[in-house]
Amino acid sequence: MHFFQKQQRPKLIQISTTAKQLRISLWLALISIVFFGTANEALAHGVTAGDKGYILESTGALPIPFIYLGAKHMMTGYDHLLFLLGVIFFLYRLKDVGIYVTLFAVGHVITLLAGVLMEISVSAYLIDAIIGFSVAYKALDNMGAFQRWFGVQPNTKIATFGFGLIHGFGLATKLLDYQLQPDGLLVNLISFNVGVEIGQVLALAAILIAMTYWRKSGNFMRHAYTTNTVMMMLGFLLMGYQLVGYFTV
């Protein structure tokens, strides 16, 4: 059974946007366009130029540096953080947060390891476009769009695991471009994954603390629809940004 059915999911789909909420959403969307228009590789779903140089020059097993790189990737990966924000937006119990985050993490680990070790390479632009779609998808799910439009509720656990696979494959594609040294490759990849999970825990802790204060403020539900609308816009903007890169680069 869907989590929100058991928890008496807030009737978010019955909330209509006011003119003020719409104006806020449009302004934030405009800011997002500027943001993505000026984004560089350091902000993308990849590895910064400095870290790229370190990876290219590294040989042998280096668990500590790669743990750091994995944690840094997660903490600075806005696409990961937006998706995770959408996943936990209406989760109030730590048990449920743990289930969904674990599903995402397992998917991420599987494709990151398999993608690099099996050298499965797909255009990074296409993968990142799907990642952008995952953000928009989760925002629409939070808004109750699928129930309202199609009368069905997709299985959110399967969706979270599936998008976790895509997110992991996205980074694997980027790492393949950097031609990791075979010496110590497995240890370094596992260490990188450990770092990713550490970064995910730290990021989630910060998000959950902020969400807890927001929920206690009394205006959470009043702005929930607008927030998810902005998340949806960010997801589609990221998707469009990557598709433009795919067709023009």
C-alpha atoms as a PDB file:
ATOM      1  CA  MET A   1       0.000   0.000   0.000  1.00  0.00           C
ATOM      2  CA  HIS A   2       1.232   3.469  -0.792  1.00  0.00           C
ATOM      3  CA  PHE A   3       2.745   5.239   2.193  1.00  0.00           C
ATOM      4  CA  PHE A   4       0.516   8.272   2.002  1.00  0.00           C
ATOM      5  CA  GLN A   5      -2.568   6.092   1.896  1.00  0.00           C
ATOM      6  CA  LYS A   6      -1.553   4.645   5.250  1.00  0.00           C
ATOM      7  CA  GLN A   7      -0.566   8.009   6.669  1.00  0.00           C
ATOM      8  CA  GLN A   8      -3.648   9.873   5.420  1.00  0.00           C
ATOM      9  CA  ARG A   9      -1.711  11.806   2.848  1.00  0.00           C
ATOM     10  CA  PRO A  10      -2.435  15.541   2.972  1.00  0.00           C
ATOM     11  CA  LYS A  11      -4.963  16.542   0.358  1.00  0.00           C
ATOM     12  CA  LEU A  12      -2.418  18.515  -1.566  1.00  0.00           C
ATOM     13  CA  ILE A  13      -4.173  17.963  -4.874  1.00  0.00           C
ATOM     14  CA  GLN A  14      -7.111  19.989  -3.566  1.00  0.00           C
ATOM     15  CA  ILE A  15      -4.930  23.049  -2.935  1.00  0.00           C
ATOM     16  CA  SER A  16      -5.198  25.592  -5.746  1.00  0.00           C
ATOM     17  CA  THR A  17      -2.448  28.050  -6.476  1.00  0.00           C
ATOM     18  CA  THR A  18      -3.166  31.680  -5.708  1.00  0.00           C
ATOM     19  CA  ALA A  19      -1.986  34.538  -7.893  1.00  0.00           C
ATOM     20  CA  LYS A  20       0.725  35.297  -5.327  1.00  0.00           C
ATOM     21  CA  GLN A  21       1.953  31.698  -5.337  1.00  0.00           C
ATOM     22  CA  LEU A  22       2.021  31.699  -9.129  1.00  0.00           C
ATOM     23  CA  ARG A  23       4.056  34.912  -9.216  1.00  0.00           C
ATOM     24  CA  ILE A  24       6.543  33.442  -6.720  1.00  0.00           C
ATOM     25  CA  SER A  25       6.850  30.298  -8.828  1.00  0.00           C
ATOM     26  CA  LEU A  26       7.462  32.291 -12.009  1.00  0.00           C
ATOM     27  CA  TRP A  27      10.121  34.451 -10.355  1.00  0.00           C
ATOM     28  CA  LEU A  28      11.922  31.398  -9.004  1.00  0.00           C
ATOM     29  CA  ALA A  29      11.690  29.759 -12.419  1.00  0.00           C
ATOM     30  CA  LEU A  30      13.335  32.853 -13.951  1.00  0.00           C
ATOM     31  CA  ILE A  31      16.118  32.686 -11.379  1.00  0.00           C
ATOM     32  CA  SER A  32      16.517  28.998 -12.212  1.00  0.00           C
ATOM     33  CA  ILE A  33      16.897  29.769 -15.917  1.00  0.00           C
ATOM     34  CA  VAL A  34      19.712  32.203 -15.096  1.00  0.00           C
ATOM     35  CA  PHE A  35      21.252  29.619 -12.760  1.00  0.00           C
ATOM     36  CA  PHE A  36      21.302  26.845 -15.343  1.00  0.00           C
ATOM     37  CA  GLY A  37      22.378  29.252 -18.041  1.00  0.00           C
ATOM     38  CA  THR A  38      25.527  30.090 -16.074  1.00  0.00           C
ATOM     39  CA  ALA A  39      26.117  26.656 -14.535  1.00  0.00           C
ATOM     40  CA  ASN A  40      29.512  25.130 -15.136  1.00  0.00           C
ATOM     41  CA  GLU A  41      30.928  21.672 -14.709  1.00  0.00           C
ATOM     42  CA  ALA A  42      31.487  22.226 -10.998  1.00  0.00           C
ATOM     43  CA  LEU A  43      27.724  22.440 -10.522  1.00  0.00           C
ATOM     44  CA  ALA A  44      26.776  19.653 -12.886  1.00  0.00           C
ATOM     45  CA  HIS A  45      26.158  16.018 -12.116  1.00  0.00           C
ATOM     46  CA  GLY A  46      29.812  15.174 -12.412  1.00  0.00           C
ATOM     47  CA  VAL A  47      33.275  15.865 -11.070  1.00  0.00           C
ATOM     48  CA  THR A  48      34.963  19.271 -10.843  1.00  0.00           C
ATOM     49  CA  ALA A  49      37.991  20.091 -12.983  1.00  0.00           C
ATOM     50  CA  GLY A  50      40.366  19.912 -10.018  1.00  0.00           C
ATOM     51  CA  ASP A  51      39.038  16.549  -8.904  1.00  0.00           C
ATOM     52  CA  LYS A  52      39.193  15.327 -12.507  1.00  0.00           C
ATOM     53  CA  GLY A  53      42.925  16.043 -12.585  1.00  0.00           C
ATOM     54  CA  TYR A  54      43.442  14.180  -9.323  1.00  0.00           C
ATOM     55  CA  ILE A  55      41.497  11.167 -10.605  1.00  0.00           C
ATOM     56  CA  LEU A  56      43.514  11.056 -13.829  1.00  0.00           C
ATOM     57  CA  GLU A  57      46.813  11.123 -11.965  1.00  0.00           C
ATOM     58  CA  SER A  58      45.867   8.702  -9.184  1.00  0.00           C
ATOM     59  CA  THR A  59      47.229   5.167  -9.132  1.00  0.00           C
ATOM     60  CA  GLY A  60      46.749   2.408  -6.602  1.00  0.00           C
ATOM     61  CA  ALA A  61      44.134   2.059  -3.885  1.00  0.00           C
ATOM     62  CA  LEU A  62      43.340   5.431  -2.295  1.00  0.00           C
ATOM     63  CA  PRO A  63      40.300   4.855  -0.080  1.00  0.00           C
ATOM     64  CA  ILE A  64      40.364   8.082   1.974  1.00  0.00           C
ATOM     65  CA  PRO A  65      40.674  10.519  -0.972  1.00  0.00           C
ATOM     66  CA  PHE A  66      37.949   8.698  -2.892  1.00  0.00           C
ATOM     67  CA  ILE A  67      35.659   8.672   0.143  1.00  0.00           C
ATOM     68  CA  TYR A  68      36.131  12.435   0.279  1.00  0.00           C
ATOM     69  CA  LEU A  69      35.407  12.781  -3.444  1.00  0.00           C
ATOM     70  CA  GLY A  70      32.231  10.708  -3.106  1.00  0.00           C
ATOM     71  CA  ALA A  71      30.967  12.748  -0.170  1.00  0.00           C
ATOM     72  CA  LYS A  72      31.796  15.988  -1.967  1.00  0.00           C
ATOM     73  CA  HIS A  73      29.922  14.822  -5.056  1.00  0.00           C
ATOM     74  CA  MET A  74      26.759  14.146  -3.089  1.00  0.00           C
ATOM     75  CA  MET A  75      26.925  17.318  -1.009  1.00  0.00           C
ATOM     76  CA  THR A  76      27.360  19.511  -4.104  1.00  0.00           C
ATOM     77  CA  GLY A  77      25.116  17.534  -6.469  1.00  0.00           C
ATOM     78  CA  TYR A  78      22.013  19.735  -6.726  1.00  0.00           C
ATOM     79  CA  ASP A  79      20.227  17.156  -8.876  1.00  0.00           C
ATOM     80  CA  HIS A  80      20.646  14.480  -6.183  1.00  0.00           C
ATOM     81  CA  LEU A  81      19.560  16.868  -3.443  1.00  0.00           C
ATOM     82  CA  LEU A  82      16.475  18.070  -5.328  1.00  0.00           C
ATOM     83  CA  PHE A  83      15.356  14.506  -5.943  1.00  0.00           C
ATOM     84  CA  LEU A  84      15.943  13.490  -2.322  1.00  0.00           C
ATOM     85  CA  LEU A  85      14.032  16.569  -1.155  1.00  0.00           C
ATOM     86  CA  GLY A  86      11.115  15.462  -3.288  1.00  0.00           C
ATOM     87  CA  VAL A  87      11.328  11.900  -1.964  1.00  0.00           C
ATOM     88  CA  ILE A  88      11.170  12.877   1.720  1.00  0.00           C
ATOM     89  CA  PHE A  89       8.891  15.900   1.310  1.00  0.00           C
ATOM     90  CA  PHE A  90       5.862  14.178   2.834  1.00  0.00           C
ATOM     91  CA  LEU A  91       7.636  11.478   4.848  1.00  0.00           C
ATOM     92  CA  TYR A  92       7.240  12.093   8.569  1.00  0.00           C
ATOM     93  CA  ARG A  93       8.591   8.856  10.049  1.00  0.00           C
ATOM     94  CA  LEU A  94      12.309   8.090  10.099  1.00  0.00           C
ATOM     95  CA  LYS A  95      11.527   4.482   9.228  1.00  0.00           C
ATOM     96  CA  ASP A  96       9.933   5.525   5.946  1.00  0.00           C
ATOM     97  CA  VAL A  97      12.720   8.000   5.203  1.00  0.00           C
ATOM     98  CA  GLY A  98      15.207   5.174   5.731  1.00  0.00           C
ATOM     99  CA  ILE A  99      13.340   2.814   3.386  1.00  0.00           C
ATOM    100  CA  TYR A 100      13.123   5.263   0.508  1.00  0.00           C
ATOM    101  CA  VAL A 101      16.653   6.580   0.888  1.00  0.00           C
ATOM    102  CA  THR A 102      18.004   3.017   1.043  1.00  0.00           C
ATOM    103  CA  LEU A 103      16.184   2.115  -2.170  1.00  0.00           C
ATOM    104  CA  PHE A 104      17.721   5.131  -3.864  1.00  0.00           C
ATOM    105  CA  ALA A 105      21.184   4.340  -2.480  1.00  0.00           C
ATOM    106  CA  VAL A 106      21.066   0.671  -3.566  1.00  0.00           C
ATOM    107  CA  GLY A 107      20.117   1.686  -7.093  1.00  0.00           C
ATOM    108  CA  HIS A 108      22.864   4.294  -7.140  1.00  0.00           C
ATOM    109  CA  VAL A 109      25.513   1.808  -5.994  1.00  0.00           C
ATOM    110  CA  ILE A 110      24.507  -0.907  -8.485  1.00  0.00           C
ATOM    111  CA  THR A 111      24.792   1.224 -11.602  1.00  0.00           C
ATOM    112  CA  LEU A 112      27.830   3.205 -10.475  1.00  0.00           C
ATOM    113  CA  LEU A 113      29.844   0.028  -9.905  1.00  0.00           C
ATOM    114  CA  ALA A 114      28.441  -1.858 -12.902  1.00  0.00           C
ATOM    115  CA  GLY A 115      28.717   1.102 -15.246  1.00  0.00           C
ATOM    116  CA  VAL A 116      32.410   1.690 -14.524  1.00  0.00           C
ATOM    117  CA  LEU A 117      33.537  -1.927 -14.166  1.00  0.00           C
ATOM    118  CA  MET A 118      31.648  -3.071 -17.284  1.00  0.00           C
ATOM    119  CA  GLU A 119      32.490   0.152 -19.145  1.00  0.00           C
ATOM    120  CA  ILE A 120      28.882   0.860 -20.096  1.00  0.00           C
ATOM    121  CA  SER A 121      28.879   4.334 -21.589  1.00  0.00           C
ATOM    122  CA  VAL A 122      25.893   6.425 -22.686  1.00  0.00           C
ATOM    123  CA  SER A 123      25.761  10.140 -23.463  1.00  0.00           C
ATOM    124  CA  ALA A 124      26.064  12.050 -20.183  1.00  0.00           C
ATOM    125  CA  TYR A 125      23.642  14.635 -21.553  1.00  0.00           C
ATOM    126  CA  LEU A 126      20.893  12.043 -22.018  1.00  0.00           C
ATOM    127  CA  ILE A 127      21.452  10.533 -18.588  1.00  0.00           C
ATOM    128  CA  ASP A 128      21.386  13.946 -16.935  1.00  0.00           C
ATOM    129  CA  ALA A 129      18.227  14.805 -18.871  1.00  0.00           C
ATOM    130  CA  ILE A 130      16.544  11.754 -17.336  1.00  0.00           C
ATOM    131  CA  ILE A 131      17.841  12.822 -13.931  1.00  0.00           C
ATOM    132  CA  GLY A 132      16.212  16.206 -14.456  1.00  0.00           C
ATOM    133  CA  PHE A 133      13.004  14.409 -15.371  1.00  0.00           C
ATOM    134  CA  SER A 134      13.238  12.403 -12.139  1.00  0.00           C
ATOM    135  CA  VAL A 135      13.098  15.657 -10.152  1.00  0.00           C
ATOM    136  CA  ALA A 136      10.054  16.841 -12.107  1.00  0.00           C
ATOM    137  CA  TYR A 137       8.416  13.424 -11.758  1.00  0.00           C
ATOM    138  CA  LYS A 138       8.738  13.386  -7.967  1.00  0.00           C
ATOM    139  CA  ALA A 139       7.412  16.931  -7.680  1.00  0.00           C
ATOM    140  CA  LEU A 140       4.381  15.982  -9.803  1.00  0.00           C
ATOM    141  CA  ASP A 141       3.882  12.904  -7.644  1.00  0.00           C
ATOM    142  CA  ASN A 142       3.929  15.071  -4.509  1.00  0.00           C
ATOM    143  CA  MET A 143       1.348  17.356  -6.108  1.00  0.00           C
ATOM    144  CA  GLY A 144      -0.978  14.417  -6.726  1.00  0.00           C
ATOM    145  CA  ALA A 145      -0.825  14.971 -10.486  1.00  0.00           C
ATOM    146  CA  PHE A 146      -0.860  11.308 -11.499  1.00  0.00           C
ATOM    147  CA  GLN A 147      -3.930  10.541  -9.417  1.00  0.00           C
ATOM    148  CA  ARG A 148      -5.717  13.585 -10.767  1.00  0.00           C
ATOM    149  CA  TRP A 149      -4.724  13.133 -14.427  1.00  0.00           C
ATOM    150  CA  PHE A 150      -4.729   9.352 -14.801  1.00  0.00           C
ATOM    151  CA  GLY A 151      -6.550   8.067 -11.718  1.00  0.00           C
ATOM    152  CA  VAL A 152      -3.597   5.895 -10.685  1.00  0.00           C
ATOM    153  CA  GLN A 153      -0.786   6.203  -8.155  1.00  0.00           C
ATOM    154  CA  PRO A 154       2.592   4.906  -9.414  1.00  0.00           C
ATOM    155  CA  ASN A 155       4.532   2.752  -6.982  1.00  0.00           C
ATOM    156  CA  THR A 156       6.834   5.307  -5.387  1.00  0.00           C
ATOM    157  CA  LYS A 157       9.247   2.704  -4.038  1.00  0.00           C
ATOM    158  CA  ILE A 158       9.834   1.226  -7.487  1.00  0.00           C
ATOM    159  CA  ALA A 159      10.187   4.715  -8.958  1.00  0.00           C
ATOM    160  CA  THR A 160      12.701   5.731  -6.275  1.00  0.00           C
ATOM    161  CA  PHE A 161      14.794   2.607  -6.890  1.00  0.00           C
ATOM    162  CA  GLY A 162      14.595   3.050 -10.661  1.00  0.00           C
ATOM    163  CA  PHE A 163      15.682   6.663 -10.545  1.00  0.00           C
ATOM    164  CA  GLY A 164      18.455   5.661  -8.151  1.00  0.00           C
ATOM    165  CA  LEU A 165      19.750   3.406 -10.939  1.00  0.00           C
ATOM    166  CA  ILE A 166      19.706   6.346 -13.343  1.00  0.00           C
ATOM    167  CA  HIS A 167      21.469   8.688 -10.905  1.00  0.00           C
ATOM    168  CA  GLY A 168      24.262   6.167 -10.339  1.00  0.00           C
ATOM    169  CA  PHE A 169      24.626   5.517 -14.047  1.00  0.00           C
ATOM    170  CA  GLY A 170      24.976   9.248 -14.621  1.00  0.00           C
ATOM    171  CA  LEU A 171      28.083   9.478 -12.476  1.00  0.00           C
ATOM    172  CA  ALA A 172      29.470   6.207 -13.895  1.00  0.00           C
ATOM    173  CA  THR A 173      29.268   7.745 -17.366  1.00  0.00           C
ATOM    174  CA  LYS A 174      31.223  10.776 -16.182  1.00  0.00           C
ATOM    175  CA  LEU A 175      33.867   8.680 -14.411  1.00  0.00           C
ATOM    176  CA  LEU A 176      34.408   6.604 -17.553  1.00  0.00           C
ATOM    177  CA  ASP A 177      35.313   9.796 -19.394  1.00  0.00           C
ATOM    178  CA  TYR A 178      38.143  10.318 -16.891  1.00  0.00           C
ATOM    179  CA  GLN A 179      39.716   6.926 -17.626  1.00  0.00           C
ATOM    180  CA  LEU A 180      40.297   5.675 -14.093  1.00  0.00           C
ATOM    181  CA  GLN A 181      43.524   3.759 -13.574  1.00  0.00           C
ATOM    182  CA  PRO A 182      42.942  -0.021 -13.339  1.00  0.00           C
ATOM    183  CA  ASP A 183      45.351  -0.267 -10.391  1.00  0.00           C
ATOM    184  CA  GLY A 184      43.167  -0.114  -7.265  1.00  0.00           C
ATOM    185  CA  LEU A 185      40.036   0.542  -9.314  1.00  0.00           C
ATOM    186  CA  LEU A 186      37.652  -1.645  -7.298  1.00  0.00           C
ATOM    187  CA  VAL A 187      38.833  -0.316  -3.932  1.00  0.00           C
ATOM    188  CA  ASN A 188      38.568   3.255  -5.158  1.00  0.00           C
ATOM    189  CA  LEU A 189      35.077   2.727  -6.567  1.00  0.00           C
ATOM    190  CA  ILE A 190      33.841   1.132  -3.341  1.00  0.00           C
ATOM    191  CA  SER A 191      35.446   3.961  -1.358  1.00  0.00           C
ATOM    192  CA  PHE A 192      33.762   6.495  -3.623  1.00  0.00           C
ATOM    193  CA  ASN A 193      30.408   4.831  -2.969  1.00  0.00           C
ATOM    194  CA  VAL A 194      31.022   4.902   0.769  1.00  0.00           C
ATOM    195  CA  GLY A 195      31.720   8.611   0.464  1.00  0.00           C
ATOM    196  CA  VAL A 196      28.524   9.109  -1.538  1.00  0.00           C
ATOM    197  CA  GLU A 197      26.493   7.468   1.215  1.00  0.00           C
ATOM    198  CA  ILE A 198      28.224   9.538   3.907  1.00  0.00           C
ATOM    199  CA  GLY A 199      27.463  12.674   1.931  1.00  0.00           C
ATOM    200  CA  GLN A 200      23.885  11.544   1.458  1.00  0.00           C
ATOM    201  CA  VAL A 201      23.406  11.045   5.201  1.00  0.00           C
ATOM    202  CA  LEU A 202      24.862  14.483   5.944  1.00  0.00           C
ATOM    203  CA  ALA A 203      22.748  16.159   3.267  1.00  0.00           C
ATOM    204  CA  LEU A 204      19.608  14.384   4.428  1.00  0.00           C
ATOM    205  CA  ALA A 205      20.268  15.351   8.023  1.00  0.00           C
ATOM    206  CA  ALA A 206      20.424  19.019   7.021  1.00  0.00           C
ATOM    207  CA  ILE A 207      17.299  18.710   4.858  1.00  0.00           C
ATOM    208  CA  LEU A 208      15.344  16.904   7.584  1.00  0.00           C
ATOM    209  CA  ILE A 209      16.286  19.512  10.198  1.00  0.00           C
ATOM    210  CA  ALA A 210      15.148  22.306   7.893  1.00  0.00           C
ATOM    211  CA  MET A 211      11.953  20.426   7.001  1.00  0.00           C
ATOM    212  CA  THR A 212      11.157  19.812  10.691  1.00  0.00           C
ATOM    213  CA  TYR A 213      11.384  23.515  11.522  1.00  0.00           C
ATOM    214  CA  TRP A 214       9.359  24.379   8.430  1.00  0.00           C
ATOM    215  CA  ARG A 215       6.605  21.924   9.331  1.00  0.00           C
ATOM    216  CA  LYS A 216       6.417  23.337  12.862  1.00  0.00           C
ATOM    217  CA  SER A 217       6.136  26.903  11.568  1.00  0.00           C
ATOM    218  CA  GLY A 218       2.513  26.414  10.550  1.00  0.00           C
ATOM    219  CA  ASN A 219       2.901  27.500   6.935  1.00  0.00           C
ATOM    220  CA  PHE A 220       4.192  24.213   5.540  1.00  0.00           C
ATOM    221  CA  MET A 221       1.012  23.129   3.778  1.00  0.00           C
ATOM    222  CA  ARG A 222       0.322  26.663   2.578  1.00  0.00           C
ATOM    223  CA  HIS A 223       3.559  26.704   0.602  1.00  0.00           C
ATOM    224  CA  ALA A 224       3.916  22.986  -0.174  1.00  0.00           C
ATOM    225  CA  TYR A 225       2.208  23.211  -3.564  1.00  0.00           C
ATOM    226  CA  THR A 226       4.287  26.210  -4.626  1.00  0.00           C
ATOM    227  CA  THR A 227       7.502  24.531  -3.500  1.00  0.00           C
ATOM    228  CA  ASN A 228       6.758  21.408  -5.525  1.00  0.00           C
ATOM    229  CA  THR A 229       5.776  23.554  -8.506  1.00  0.00           C
ATOM    230  CA  VAL A 230       9.199  25.191  -8.366  1.00  0.00           C
ATOM    231  CA  MET A 231      10.861  21.765  -8.033  1.00  0.00           C
ATOM    232  CA  MET A 232       8.956  20.597 -11.096  1.00  0.00           C
ATOM    233  CA  MET A 233      10.161  23.655 -13.041  1.00  0.00           C
ATOM    234  CA  LEU A 234      13.741  23.063 -11.929  1.00  0.00           C
ATOM    235  CA  GLY A 235      13.527  19.451 -13.075  1.00  0.00           C
ATOM    236  CA  PHE A 236      12.199  20.343 -16.514  1.00  0.00           C
ATOM    237  CA  LEU A 237      14.715  23.180 -16.855  1.00  0.00           C
ATOM    238  CA  LEU A 238      17.563  20.797 -16.024  1.00  0.00           C
ATOM    239  CA  MET A 239      16.171  18.287 -18.510  1.00  0.00           C
ATOM    240  CA  GLY A 240      15.911  20.939 -21.234  1.00  0.00           C
ATOM    241  CA  TYR A 241      19.380  22.287 -20.455  1.00  0.00           C
ATOM    242  CA  GLN A 242      20.913  18.827 -20.931  1.00  0.00           C
ATOM    243  CA  LEU A 243      18.932  18.087 -24.100  1.00  0.00           C
ATOM    244  CA  VAL A 244      20.125  21.356 -25.631  1.00  0.00           C
ATOM    245  CA  GLY A 245      23.676  20.287 -24.830  1.00  0.00           C
ATOM    246  CA  TYR A 246      23.092  16.864 -26.420  1.00  0.00           C
ATOM    247  CA  PHE A 247      21.836  18.334 -29.695  1.00  0.00           C
ATOM    248  CA  THR A 248      24.288  21.225 -29.940  1.00  0.00           C
ATOM    249  CA  VAL A 249      27.613  19.934 -28.610  1.00  0.00           C
END
